[in-house]
Amino acid sequence: FEKAQPNVTTELHFGSAFQLLVSTLLSAQCT
């Protein structure tokens, strides 16, 4: 994985800690 995906991160889009929190909460049992 380190060789194939060295810069991996979440696929969620967000601009702040609050928006990441909201997006993650919403993502439960959803794509």
Full PDB file with SEQRES, HELIX, SHEET, SSBOND, CRYST1, ORIGX, SCALE, CONECT and MASTER records, all heavy atoms in Angstrom:
SEQRES   1 A   31  PHE GLU LYS ALA GLN PRO ASN VAL THR THR GLU LEU HIS          
SEQRES   2 A   31  PHE GLY SER ALA PHE GLN LEU LEU VAL SER THR LEU LEU          
SEQRES   3 A   31  SER ALA GLN CYS THR                                          
HELIX    1 AA1 ALA A   17  LEU A   26  1                                  10    
CRYST1    1.000    1.000    1.000  90.00  90.00  90.00 P 1           1          
ORIGX1      1.000000  0.000000  0.000000        0.00000                         
ORIGX2      0.000000  1.000000  0.000000        0.00000                         
ORIGX3      0.000000  0.000000  1.000000        0.00000                         
SCALE1      1.000000  0.000000  0.000000        0.00000                         
SCALE2      0.000000  1.000000  0.000000        0.00000                         
SCALE3      0.000000  0.000000  1.000000        0.00000                         
ATOM      1  N   PHE A   1       0.823  -1.206   0.000  1.00  0.00           N  
ATOM      2  CA  PHE A   1       0.000   0.000   0.000  1.00  0.00           C  
ATOM      3  C   PHE A   1       0.861   1.262   0.000  1.00  0.00           C  
ATOM      4  O   PHE A   1       0.521   2.257  -0.647  1.00  0.00           O  
ATOM      5  CB  PHE A   1      -0.926   0.005   1.219  1.00  0.00           C  
ATOM      6  CG  PHE A   1      -2.168  -0.830   1.057  1.00  0.00           C  
ATOM      7  CD1 PHE A   1      -2.536  -1.736   2.037  1.00  0.00           C  
ATOM      8  CD2 PHE A   1      -2.977  -0.704  -0.063  1.00  0.00           C  
ATOM      9  CE1 PHE A   1      -3.694  -2.499   1.901  1.00  0.00           C  
ATOM     10  CE2 PHE A   1      -4.133  -1.462  -0.212  1.00  0.00           C  
ATOM     11  CZ  PHE A   1      -4.497  -2.356   0.776  1.00  0.00           C  
ATOM     12  N   GLU A   2       1.970   1.229   0.737  1.00  0.00           N  
ATOM     13  CA  GLU A   2       2.832   2.414   0.800  1.00  0.00           C  
ATOM     14  C   GLU A   2       3.372   2.771  -0.581  1.00  0.00           C  
ATOM     15  O   GLU A   2       3.511   3.956  -0.920  1.00  0.00           O  
ATOM     16  CB  GLU A   2       3.992   2.165   1.766  1.00  0.00           C  
ATOM     17  CG  GLU A   2       4.853   3.386   2.032  1.00  0.00           C  
ATOM     18  CD  GLU A   2       4.097   4.497   2.727  1.00  0.00           C  
ATOM     19  OE1 GLU A   2       3.708   4.315   3.891  1.00  0.00           O  
ATOM     20  OE2 GLU A   2       3.890   5.556   2.088  1.00  0.00           O  
ATOM     21  N   LYS A   3       3.653   1.758  -1.383  1.00  0.00           N  
ATOM     22  CA  LYS A   3       4.148   2.001  -2.742  1.00  0.00           C  
ATOM     23  C   LYS A   3       3.018   2.361  -3.698  1.00  0.00           C  
ATOM     24  O   LYS A   3       3.178   3.215  -4.568  1.00  0.00           O  
ATOM     25  CB  LYS A   3       4.891   0.766  -3.250  1.00  0.00           C  
ATOM     26  CG  LYS A   3       6.181   0.475  -2.493  1.00  0.00           C  
ATOM     27  CD  LYS A   3       6.785  -0.851  -2.927  1.00  0.00           C  
ATOM     28  CE  LYS A   3       8.032  -1.180  -2.121  1.00  0.00           C  
ATOM     29  NZ  LYS A   3       8.575  -2.529  -2.451  1.00  0.00           N  
ATOM     30  N   ALA A   4       1.867   1.712  -3.540  1.00  0.00           N  
ATOM     31  CA  ALA A   4       0.760   1.907  -4.483  1.00  0.00           C  
ATOM     32  C   ALA A   4      -0.059   3.146  -4.179  1.00  0.00           C  
ATOM     33  O   ALA A   4      -0.572   3.799  -5.105  1.00  0.00           O  
ATOM     34  CB  ALA A   4      -0.148   0.670  -4.473  1.00  0.00           C  
ATOM     35  N   GLN A   5      -0.204   3.497  -2.896  1.00  0.00           N  
ATOM     36  CA  GLN A   5      -1.061   4.623  -2.514  1.00  0.00           C  
ATOM     37  C   GLN A   5      -0.392   5.447  -1.417  1.00  0.00           C  
ATOM     38  O   GLN A   5      -0.895   5.540  -0.300  1.00  0.00           O  
ATOM     39  CB  GLN A   5      -2.413   4.098  -2.016  1.00  0.00           C  
ATOM     40  CG  GLN A   5      -3.169   3.225  -3.004  1.00  0.00           C  
ATOM     41  CD  GLN A   5      -4.404   2.617  -2.382  1.00  0.00           C  
ATOM     42  OE1 GLN A   5      -5.135   3.251  -1.621  1.00  0.00           O  
ATOM     43  NE2 GLN A   5      -4.664   1.357  -2.687  1.00  0.00           N  
ATOM     44  N   PRO A   6       0.723   6.078  -1.712  1.00  0.00           N  
ATOM     45  CA  PRO A   6       1.475   6.776  -0.668  1.00  0.00           C  
ATOM     46  C   PRO A   6       0.779   8.007  -0.106  1.00  0.00           C  
ATOM     47  O   PRO A   6       1.048   8.421   1.017  1.00  0.00           O  
ATOM     48  CB  PRO A   6       2.782   7.155  -1.377  1.00  0.00           C  
ATOM     49  CG  PRO A   6       2.405   7.227  -2.828  1.00  0.00           C  
ATOM     50  CD  PRO A   6       1.392   6.153  -3.020  1.00  0.00           C  
ATOM     51  N   ASN A   7      -0.114   8.612  -0.884  1.00  0.00           N  
ATOM     52  CA  ASN A   7      -0.755   9.862  -0.456  1.00  0.00           C  
ATOM     53  C   ASN A   7      -2.253   9.692  -0.231  1.00  0.00           C  
ATOM     54  O   ASN A   7      -3.038  10.608  -0.458  1.00  0.00           O  
ATOM     55  CB  ASN A   7      -0.505  10.954  -1.497  1.00  0.00           C  
ATOM     56  CG  ASN A   7       0.969  11.222  -1.697  1.00  0.00           C  
ATOM     57  OD1 ASN A   7       1.716  11.386  -0.733  1.00  0.00           O  
ATOM     58  ND2 ASN A   7       1.411  11.256  -2.940  1.00  0.00           N  
ATOM     59  N   VAL A   8      -2.662   8.537   0.218  1.00  0.00           N  
ATOM     60  CA  VAL A   8      -4.076   8.234   0.392  1.00  0.00           C  
ATOM     61  C   VAL A   8      -4.702   9.106   1.482  1.00  0.00           C  
ATOM     62  O   VAL A   8      -4.040   9.494   2.448  1.00  0.00           O  
ATOM     63  CB  VAL A   8      -4.252   6.739   0.745  1.00  0.00           C  
ATOM     64  CG1 VAL A   8      -3.712   6.443   2.135  1.00  0.00           C  
ATOM     65  CG2 VAL A   8      -5.700   6.315   0.618  1.00  0.00           C  
ATOM     66  N   THR A   9      -5.970   9.455   1.292  1.00  0.00           N  
ATOM     67  CA  THR A   9      -6.720  10.190   2.311  1.00  0.00           C  
ATOM     68  C   THR A   9      -8.193   9.895   2.127  1.00  0.00           C  
ATOM     69  O   THR A   9      -8.580   9.123   1.247  1.00  0.00           O  
ATOM     70  CB  THR A   9      -6.445  11.702   2.233  1.00  0.00           C  
ATOM     71  OG1 THR A   9      -7.060  12.357   3.369  1.00  0.00           O  
ATOM     72  CG2 THR A   9      -6.992  12.301   0.940  1.00  0.00           C  
ATOM     73  N   THR A  10      -9.026  10.517   2.922  1.00  0.00           N  
ATOM     74  CA  THR A  10     -10.457  10.282   2.833  1.00  0.00           C  
ATOM     75  C   THR A  10     -11.012  10.758   1.486  1.00  0.00           C  
ATOM     76  O   THR A  10     -10.488  11.703   0.884  1.00  0.00           O  
ATOM     77  CB  THR A  10     -11.208  10.997   3.973  1.00  0.00           C  
ATOM     78  OG1 THR A  10     -12.617  10.764   3.836  1.00  0.00           O  
ATOM     79  CG2 THR A  10     -10.943  12.489   3.951  1.00  0.00           C  
ATOM     80  N   GLU A  11     -12.079  10.127   1.034  1.00  0.00           N  
ATOM     81  CA  GLU A  11     -12.750  10.552  -0.191  1.00  0.00           C  
ATOM     82  C   GLU A  11     -13.826  11.596   0.097  1.00  0.00           C  
ATOM     83  O   GLU A  11     -14.432  12.127  -0.835  1.00  0.00           O  
ATOM     84  CB  GLU A  11     -13.361   9.341  -0.900  1.00  0.00           C  
ATOM     85  CG  GLU A  11     -12.321   8.373  -1.437  1.00  0.00           C  
ATOM     86  CD  GLU A  11     -12.904   7.242  -2.258  1.00  0.00           C  
ATOM     87  OE1 GLU A  11     -13.986   6.738  -1.904  1.00  0.00           O  
ATOM     88  OE2 GLU A  11     -12.270   6.854  -3.265  1.00  0.00           O  
ATOM     89  N   LEU A  12     -14.074  11.888   1.358  1.00  0.00           N  
ATOM     90  CA  LEU A  12     -15.043  12.923   1.718  1.00  0.00           C  
ATOM     91  C   LEU A  12     -14.469  14.307   1.422  1.00  0.00           C  
ATOM     92  O   LEU A  12     -13.270  14.535   1.575  1.00  0.00           O  
ATOM     93  CB  LEU A  12     -15.395  12.819   3.205  1.00  0.00           C  
ATOM     94  CG  LEU A  12     -16.165  11.576   3.642  1.00  0.00           C  
ATOM     95  CD1 LEU A  12     -16.233  11.506   5.165  1.00  0.00           C  
ATOM     96  CD2 LEU A  12     -17.564  11.560   3.037  1.00  0.00           C  
ATOM     97  N   HIS A  13     -15.345  15.227   1.039  1.00  0.00           N  
ATOM     98  CA  HIS A  13     -14.947  16.605   0.758  1.00  0.00           C  
ATOM     99  C   HIS A  13     -15.321  17.492   1.944  1.00  0.00           C  
ATOM    100  O   HIS A  13     -16.464  17.458   2.407  1.00  0.00           O  
ATOM    101  CB  HIS A  13     -15.638  17.112  -0.505  1.00  0.00           C  
ATOM    102  CG  HIS A  13     -15.309  16.326  -1.733  1.00  0.00           C  
ATOM    103  ND1 HIS A  13     -16.046  16.379  -2.899  1.00  0.00           N  
ATOM    104  CD2 HIS A  13     -14.297  15.442  -1.983  1.00  0.00           C  
ATOM    105  CE1 HIS A  13     -15.525  15.573  -3.799  1.00  0.00           C  
ATOM    106  NE2 HIS A  13     -14.455  14.987  -3.263  1.00  0.00           N  
ATOM    107  N   PHE A  14     -14.377  18.298   2.402  1.00  0.00           N  
ATOM    108  CA  PHE A  14     -14.640  19.152   3.560  1.00  0.00           C  
ATOM    109  C   PHE A  14     -13.648  20.300   3.579  1.00  0.00           C  
ATOM    110  O   PHE A  14     -12.584  20.220   2.952  1.00  0.00           O  
ATOM    111  CB  PHE A  14     -14.529  18.345   4.858  1.00  0.00           C  
ATOM    112  CG  PHE A  14     -13.167  17.746   5.076  1.00  0.00           C  
ATOM    113  CD1 PHE A  14     -12.204  18.420   5.815  1.00  0.00           C  
ATOM    114  CD2 PHE A  14     -12.827  16.516   4.526  1.00  0.00           C  
ATOM    115  CE1 PHE A  14     -10.938  17.872   6.000  1.00  0.00           C  
ATOM    116  CE2 PHE A  14     -11.574  15.954   4.701  1.00  0.00           C  
ATOM    117  CZ  PHE A  14     -10.631  16.638   5.453  1.00  0.00           C  
ATOM    118  N   GLY A  15     -13.983  21.363   4.318  1.00  0.00           N  
ATOM    119  CA  GLY A  15     -13.098  22.508   4.383  1.00  0.00           C  
ATOM    120  C   GLY A  15     -12.709  22.912   5.785  1.00  0.00           C  
ATOM    121  O   GLY A  15     -12.012  23.916   5.988  1.00  0.00           O  
ATOM    122  N   SER A  16     -13.172  22.153   6.779  1.00  0.00           N  
ATOM    123  CA  SER A  16     -12.867  22.474   8.168  1.00  0.00           C  
ATOM    124  C   SER A  16     -13.099  21.239   9.020  1.00  0.00           C  
ATOM    125  O   SER A  16     -13.681  20.248   8.558  1.00  0.00           O  
ATOM    126  CB  SER A  16     -13.776  23.612   8.667  1.00  0.00           C  
ATOM    127  OG  SER A  16     -15.135  23.173   8.697  1.00  0.00           O  
ATOM    128  N   ALA A  17     -12.675  21.318  10.278  1.00  0.00           N  
ATOM    129  CA  ALA A  17     -12.908  20.197  11.187  1.00  0.00           C  
ATOM    130  C   ALA A  17     -14.403  19.951  11.362  1.00  0.00           C  
ATOM    131  O   ALA A  17     -14.858  18.797  11.405  1.00  0.00           O  
ATOM    132  CB  ALA A  17     -12.256  20.479  12.542  1.00  0.00           C  
ATOM    133  N   PHE A  18     -15.174  21.027  11.441  1.00  0.00           N  
ATOM    134  CA  PHE A  18     -16.623  20.878  11.580  1.00  0.00           C  
ATOM    135  C   PHE A  18     -17.223  20.179  10.369  1.00  0.00           C  
ATOM    136  O   PHE A  18     -18.057  19.269  10.509  1.00  0.00           O  
ATOM    137  CB  PHE A  18     -17.271  22.255  11.768  1.00  0.00           C  
ATOM    138  CG  PHE A  18     -18.772  22.212  11.750  1.00  0.00           C  
ATOM    139  CD1 PHE A  18     -19.477  21.707  12.838  1.00  0.00           C  
ATOM    140  CD2 PHE A  18     -19.479  22.665  10.649  1.00  0.00           C  
ATOM    141  CE1 PHE A  18     -20.873  21.652  12.817  1.00  0.00           C  
ATOM    142  CE2 PHE A  18     -20.864  22.625  10.624  1.00  0.00           C  
ATOM    143  CZ  PHE A  18     -21.567  22.109  11.711  1.00  0.00           C  
ATOM    144  N   GLN A  19     -16.809  20.577   9.191  1.00  0.00           N  
ATOM    145  CA  GLN A  19     -17.361  19.958   7.983  1.00  0.00           C  
ATOM    146  C   GLN A  19     -16.941  18.496   7.855  1.00  0.00           C  
ATOM    147  O   GLN A  19     -17.718  17.662   7.385  1.00  0.00           O  
ATOM    148  CB  GLN A  19     -16.941  20.765   6.758  1.00  0.00           C  
ATOM    149  CG  GLN A  19     -17.603  22.135   6.706  1.00  0.00           C  
ATOM    150  CD  GLN A  19     -17.219  22.950   5.486  1.00  0.00           C  
ATOM    151  OE1 GLN A  19     -16.553  22.455   4.572  1.00  0.00           O  
ATOM    152  NE2 GLN A  19     -17.630  24.210   5.456  1.00  0.00           N  
ATOM    153  N   LEU A  20     -15.734  18.166   8.286  1.00  0.00           N  
ATOM    154  CA  LEU A  20     -15.320  16.764   8.294  1.00  0.00           C  
ATOM    155  C   LEU A  20     -16.173  15.973   9.281  1.00  0.00           C  
ATOM    156  O   LEU A  20     -16.606  14.845   8.986  1.00  0.00           O  
ATOM    157  CB  LEU A  20     -13.839  16.646   8.676  1.00  0.00           C  
ATOM    158  CG  LEU A  20     -13.315  15.222   8.893  1.00  0.00           C  
ATOM    159  CD1 LEU A  20     -13.458  14.371   7.633  1.00  0.00           C  
ATOM    160  CD2 LEU A  20     -11.850  15.257   9.342  1.00  0.00           C  
ATOM    161  N   LEU A  21     -16.441  16.554  10.436  1.00  0.00           N  
ATOM    162  CA  LEU A  21     -17.271  15.892  11.445  1.00  0.00           C  
ATOM    163  C   LEU A  21     -18.668  15.634  10.897  1.00  0.00           C  
ATOM    164  O   LEU A  21     -19.215  14.538  11.032  1.00  0.00           O  
ATOM    165  CB  LEU A  21     -17.328  16.758  12.705  1.00  0.00           C  
ATOM    166  CG  LEU A  21     -18.045  16.173  13.920  1.00  0.00           C  
ATOM    167  CD1 LEU A  21     -17.350  14.910  14.407  1.00  0.00           C  
ATOM    168  CD2 LEU A  21     -18.106  17.212  15.040  1.00  0.00           C  
ATOM    169  N   VAL A  22     -19.251  16.635  10.263  1.00  0.00           N  
ATOM    170  CA  VAL A  22     -20.590  16.501   9.686  1.00  0.00           C  
ATOM    171  C   VAL A  22     -20.591  15.435   8.593  1.00  0.00           C  
ATOM    172  O   VAL A  22     -21.464  14.562   8.550  1.00  0.00           O  
ATOM    173  CB  VAL A  22     -21.082  17.852   9.121  1.00  0.00           C  
ATOM    174  CG1 VAL A  22     -22.337  17.662   8.280  1.00  0.00           C  
ATOM    175  CG2 VAL A  22     -21.345  18.836  10.253  1.00  0.00           C  
ATOM    176  N   SER A  23     -19.617  15.494   7.689  1.00  0.00           N  
ATOM    177  CA  SER A  23     -19.558  14.536   6.585  1.00  0.00           C  
ATOM    178  C   SER A  23     -19.396  13.110   7.084  1.00  0.00           C  
ATOM    179  O   SER A  23     -20.016  12.174   6.561  1.00  0.00           O  
ATOM    180  CB  SER A  23     -18.403  14.891   5.646  1.00  0.00           C  
ATOM    181  OG  SER A  23     -18.613  16.138   5.021  1.00  0.00           O  
ATOM    182  N   THR A  24     -18.554  12.936   8.093  1.00  0.00           N  
ATOM    183  CA  THR A  24     -18.330  11.595   8.639  1.00  0.00           C  
ATOM    184  C   THR A  24     -19.580  11.073   9.328  1.00  0.00           C  
ATOM    185  O   THR A  24     -19.942   9.899   9.182  1.00  0.00           O  
ATOM    186  CB  THR A  24     -17.145  11.605   9.614  1.00  0.00           C  
ATOM    187  OG1 THR A  24     -16.002  12.165   8.970  1.00  0.00           O  
ATOM    188  CG2 THR A  24     -16.802  10.197  10.070  1.00  0.00           C  
ATOM    189  N   LEU A  25     -20.253  11.933  10.063  1.00  0.00           N  
ATOM    190  CA  LEU A  25     -21.513  11.537  10.700  1.00  0.00           C  
ATOM    191  C   LEU A  25     -22.526  11.103   9.647  1.00  0.00           C  
ATOM    192  O   LEU A  25     -23.192  10.071   9.790  1.00  0.00           O  
ATOM    193  CB  LEU A  25     -22.053  12.694  11.537  1.00  0.00           C  
ATOM    194  CG  LEU A  25     -23.272  12.455  12.425  1.00  0.00           C  
ATOM    195  CD1 LEU A  25     -23.290  13.463  13.577  1.00  0.00           C  
ATOM    196  CD2 LEU A  25     -24.583  12.566  11.659  1.00  0.00           C  
ATOM    197  N   LEU A  26     -22.634  11.869   8.580  1.00  0.00           N  
ATOM    198  CA  LEU A  26     -23.589  11.552   7.520  1.00  0.00           C  
ATOM    199  C   LEU A  26     -23.227  10.278   6.773  1.00  0.00           C  
ATOM    200  O   LEU A  26     -24.103   9.598   6.223  1.00  0.00           O  
ATOM    201  CB  LEU A  26     -23.665  12.715   6.519  1.00  0.00           C  
ATOM    202  CG  LEU A  26     -24.332  14.001   7.005  1.00  0.00           C  
ATOM    203  CD1 LEU A  26     -24.205  15.089   5.931  1.00  0.00           C  
ATOM    204  CD2 LEU A  26     -25.798  13.779   7.342  1.00  0.00           C  
ATOM    205  N   SER A  27     -21.940   9.939   6.738  1.00  0.00           N  
ATOM    206  CA  SER A  27     -21.486   8.828   5.903  1.00  0.00           C  
ATOM    207  C   SER A  27     -21.803   7.452   6.481  1.00  0.00           C  
ATOM    208  O   SER A  27     -21.622   6.447   5.800  1.00  0.00           O  
ATOM    209  CB  SER A  27     -19.978   8.932   5.648  1.00  0.00           C  
ATOM    210  OG  SER A  27     -19.246   8.663   6.835  1.00  0.00           O  
ATOM    211  N   ALA A  28     -22.282   7.391   7.714  1.00  0.00           N  
ATOM    212  CA  ALA A  28     -22.605   6.094   8.315  1.00  0.00           C  
ATOM    213  C   ALA A  28     -23.655   5.379   7.468  1.00  0.00           C  
ATOM    214  O   ALA A  28     -24.719   5.930   7.193  1.00  0.00           O  
ATOM    215  CB  ALA A  28     -23.120   6.294   9.735  1.00  0.00           C  
ATOM    216  N   GLN A  29     -23.317   4.167   7.024  1.00  0.00           N  
ATOM    217  CA  GLN A  29     -24.208   3.337   6.201  1.00  0.00           C  
ATOM    218  C   GLN A  29     -24.653   4.070   4.934  1.00  0.00           C  
ATOM    219  O   GLN A  29     -25.781   3.921   4.466  1.00  0.00           O  
ATOM    220  CB  GLN A  29     -25.413   2.876   7.016  1.00  0.00           C  
ATOM    221  CG  GLN A  29     -25.015   1.983   8.183  1.00  0.00           C  
ATOM    222  CD  GLN A  29     -26.183   1.480   8.984  1.00  0.00           C  
ATOM    223  OE1 GLN A  29     -27.066   2.239   9.356  1.00  0.00           O  
ATOM    224  NE2 GLN A  29     -26.200   0.192   9.253  1.00  0.00           N  
ATOM    225  N   CYS A  30     -23.741   4.860   4.395  1.00  0.00           N  
ATOM    226  CA  CYS A  30     -24.008   5.597   3.159  1.00  0.00           C  
ATOM    227  C   CYS A  30     -22.688   5.753   2.413  1.00  0.00           C  
ATOM    228  O   CYS A  30     -21.614   5.678   3.009  1.00  0.00           O  
ATOM    229  CB  CYS A  30     -24.609   6.969   3.480  1.00  0.00           C  
ATOM    230  SG  CYS A  30     -25.427   7.788   2.091  1.00  0.00           S  
ATOM    231  N   THR A  31     -22.746   5.969   1.116  1.00  0.00           N  
ATOM    232  CA  THR A  31     -21.515   6.084   0.341  1.00  0.00           C  
ATOM    233  C   THR A  31     -20.944   7.497   0.415  1.00  0.00           C  
ATOM    234  O   THR A  31     -21.681   8.479   0.540  1.00  0.00           O  
ATOM    235  CB  THR A  31     -21.764   5.726  -1.133  1.00  0.00           C  
ATOM    236  OG1 THR A  31     -22.636   6.718  -1.720  1.00  0.00           O  
ATOM    237  CG2 THR A  31     -22.394   4.351  -1.274  1.00  0.00           C  
TER     238      THR A  31                                                      
MASTER        0    0    0    1    0    0    0    6  237    1    0    3          
END                                                                             
